[in-house]
């Protein structure tokens, strides 16, 4: 359950979408919509990382 490859992919996805969120918010205009969508996806990656962390813990 605690697969390190999955954790790495979740971190890479989080960093990529966080960068898109930052760039989209900075540029503004229509890019702001892409930044907003990337921010929502970023929240999903954060939730997946938290779930992955707690699922791999032993009681």
N, C-alpha and C. Protein backbone atom coordinates (compact mmCIF):
# COMPACT_ATOMS: atom_id res chain seq x y z
N UNK A 1 0.83 -1.21 0.00
CA UNK A 1 0.00 0.00 0.00
C UNK A 1 0.86 1.25 0.00
N UNK A 2 2.02 1.18 0.63
CA UNK A 2 2.88 2.35 0.72
C UNK A 2 3.91 2.32 -0.41
N UNK A 3 3.44 2.50 -1.63
CA UNK A 3 4.28 2.43 -2.81
C UNK A 3 5.01 3.76 -3.00
N UNK A 4 6.34 3.76 -2.98
CA UNK A 4 7.08 5.02 -3.13
C UNK A 4 6.90 5.65 -4.50
N UNK A 5 6.67 4.84 -5.54
CA UNK A 5 6.47 5.41 -6.88
C UNK A 5 5.20 6.24 -6.94
N UNK A 6 4.17 5.77 -6.27
CA UNK A 6 2.91 6.53 -6.25
C UNK A 6 3.10 7.87 -5.55
N UNK A 7 3.84 7.85 -4.45
CA UNK A 7 4.10 9.08 -3.69
C UNK A 7 4.88 10.08 -4.55
N UNK A 8 5.87 9.59 -5.30
CA UNK A 8 6.67 10.47 -6.17
C UNK A 8 5.79 11.07 -7.25
N UNK A 9 4.93 10.26 -7.86
CA UNK A 9 4.03 10.78 -8.90
C UNK A 9 3.05 11.80 -8.33
N UNK A 10 2.57 11.56 -7.12
CA UNK A 10 1.68 12.54 -6.50
C UNK A 10 2.40 13.85 -6.23
N UNK A 11 3.65 13.79 -5.77
CA UNK A 11 4.42 15.01 -5.52
C UNK A 11 4.72 15.75 -6.82
N UNK A 12 5.07 15.02 -7.87
CA UNK A 12 5.36 15.67 -9.16
C UNK A 12 4.10 16.34 -9.70
N UNK A 13 2.96 15.63 -9.64
CA UNK A 13 1.70 16.22 -10.09
C UNK A 13 1.35 17.46 -9.29
N UNK A 14 1.54 17.38 -7.97
CA UNK A 14 1.26 18.53 -7.12
C UNK A 14 2.12 19.73 -7.51
N UNK A 15 3.42 19.51 -7.71
CA UNK A 15 4.33 20.61 -8.04
C UNK A 15 4.02 21.21 -9.41
N UNK A 16 3.69 20.37 -10.37
CA UNK A 16 3.37 20.87 -11.72
C UNK A 16 2.11 21.73 -11.68
N UNK A 17 1.07 21.23 -11.04
CA UNK A 17 -0.18 21.99 -11.00
C UNK A 17 -0.08 23.22 -10.10
N UNK A 18 0.77 23.17 -9.08
CA UNK A 18 1.00 24.36 -8.27
C UNK A 18 1.69 25.44 -9.09
N UNK A 19 2.63 25.03 -9.96
CA UNK A 19 3.30 26.00 -10.83
C UNK A 19 2.31 26.60 -11.83
N UNK A 20 1.45 25.77 -12.41
CA UNK A 20 0.44 26.27 -13.34
C UNK A 20 -0.51 27.23 -12.62
N UNK A 21 -0.87 26.90 -11.41
CA UNK A 21 -1.74 27.77 -10.61
C UNK A 21 -1.08 29.12 -10.37
N UNK A 22 0.18 29.11 -10.00
CA UNK A 22 0.90 30.35 -9.73
C UNK A 22 1.04 31.19 -10.99
N UNK A 23 1.43 30.56 -12.09
CA UNK A 23 1.62 31.29 -13.35
C UNK A 23 0.29 31.83 -13.85
N UNK A 24 -0.76 31.01 -13.79
CA UNK A 24 -2.07 31.47 -14.24
C UNK A 24 -2.61 32.62 -13.41
N UNK A 25 -2.36 32.58 -12.12
CA UNK A 25 -2.82 33.67 -11.26
C UNK A 25 -2.03 34.94 -11.48
N UNK A 26 -0.75 34.79 -11.84
CA UNK A 26 0.10 35.96 -12.07
C UNK A 26 -0.22 36.64 -13.40
N UNK A 27 -0.43 35.84 -14.43
CA UNK A 27 -0.69 36.41 -15.76
C UNK A 27 -2.06 37.08 -15.80
N UNK A 28 -3.05 36.42 -15.25
CA UNK A 28 -4.40 36.98 -15.25
C UNK A 28 -5.11 36.73 -16.57
N UNK A 29 -6.21 37.37 -16.76
CA UNK A 29 -6.99 37.21 -17.99
C UNK A 29 -7.57 35.81 -18.09
N UNK A 30 -7.50 35.23 -19.29
CA UNK A 30 -8.03 33.88 -19.48
C UNK A 30 -7.14 32.83 -18.84
N UNK A 31 -5.87 33.16 -18.63
CA UNK A 31 -4.98 32.21 -17.95
C UNK A 31 -5.37 32.03 -16.49
N UNK A 32 -6.11 32.97 -15.96
CA UNK A 32 -6.55 32.88 -14.58
C UNK A 32 -7.52 31.72 -14.39
N UNK A 33 -8.30 31.42 -15.42
CA UNK A 33 -9.22 30.29 -15.35
C UNK A 33 -8.43 28.99 -15.27
N UNK A 34 -7.37 28.88 -16.08
CA UNK A 34 -6.52 27.69 -16.03
C UNK A 34 -5.84 27.59 -14.67
N UNK A 35 -5.45 28.71 -14.10
CA UNK A 35 -4.86 28.71 -12.77
C UNK A 35 -5.84 28.26 -11.71
N UNK A 36 -7.08 28.65 -11.85
CA UNK A 36 -8.11 28.23 -10.90
C UNK A 36 -8.35 26.73 -10.97
N UNK A 37 -8.44 26.21 -12.19
CA UNK A 37 -8.63 24.77 -12.36
C UNK A 37 -7.42 24.01 -11.81
N UNK A 38 -6.23 24.51 -12.08
CA UNK A 38 -5.02 23.87 -11.57
C UNK A 38 -4.99 23.91 -10.04
N UNK A 39 -5.49 24.98 -9.44
CA UNK A 39 -5.56 25.06 -7.99
C UNK A 39 -6.49 24.03 -7.40
N UNK A 40 -7.61 23.79 -8.06
CA UNK A 40 -8.56 22.78 -7.59
C UNK A 40 -7.94 21.39 -7.71
N UNK A 41 -7.24 21.13 -8.81
CA UNK A 41 -6.57 19.85 -8.99
C UNK A 41 -5.47 19.70 -7.94
N UNK A 42 -4.80 20.80 -7.61
CA UNK A 42 -3.75 20.79 -6.59
C UNK A 42 -4.31 20.35 -5.24
N UNK A 43 -5.48 20.81 -4.91
CA UNK A 43 -6.12 20.40 -3.66
C UNK A 43 -6.38 18.89 -3.67
N UNK A 44 -6.74 18.36 -4.83
CA UNK A 44 -6.93 16.92 -4.96
C UNK A 44 -5.64 16.15 -4.73
N UNK A 45 -4.53 16.68 -5.25
CA UNK A 45 -3.23 16.04 -5.03
C UNK A 45 -2.84 16.08 -3.56
N UNK A 46 -3.12 17.19 -2.90
CA UNK A 46 -2.82 17.29 -1.47
C UNK A 46 -3.63 16.26 -0.69
N UNK A 47 -4.91 16.14 -1.02
CA UNK A 47 -5.76 15.16 -0.33
C UNK A 47 -5.25 13.74 -0.59
N UNK A 48 -4.84 13.45 -1.82
CA UNK A 48 -4.32 12.12 -2.14
C UNK A 48 -3.03 11.84 -1.39
N UNK A 49 -2.17 12.85 -1.24
CA UNK A 49 -0.94 12.67 -0.48
C UNK A 49 -1.22 12.39 0.99
N UNK A 50 -2.19 13.08 1.55
CA UNK A 50 -2.55 12.84 2.95
C UNK A 50 -3.13 11.44 3.12
N UNK A 51 -4.00 11.05 2.22
CA UNK A 51 -4.59 9.71 2.29
C UNK A 51 -3.50 8.65 2.15
N UNK A 52 -2.59 8.86 1.21
CA UNK A 52 -1.49 7.92 1.00
C UNK A 52 -0.61 7.81 2.24
N UNK A 53 -0.39 8.93 2.89
CA UNK A 53 0.44 8.92 4.09
C UNK A 53 -0.21 8.11 5.21
N UNK A 54 -1.48 8.38 5.47
CA UNK A 54 -2.15 7.69 6.57
C UNK A 54 -2.48 6.24 6.25
N UNK A 55 -2.65 5.90 4.98
CA UNK A 55 -2.93 4.52 4.61
C UNK A 55 -1.70 3.64 4.79
N UNK A 56 -0.51 4.23 4.69
CA UNK A 56 0.71 3.46 4.82
C UNK A 56 1.19 3.31 6.24
N UNK A 57 0.57 3.96 7.18
CA UNK A 57 1.00 3.87 8.59
C UNK A 57 0.54 2.57 9.20
N UNK A 58 1.33 2.08 10.11
CA UNK A 58 0.96 0.86 10.83
C UNK A 58 0.38 1.24 12.19
N UNK A 59 -0.65 0.53 12.62
CA UNK A 59 -1.27 0.86 13.91
C UNK A 59 -0.40 0.56 15.11
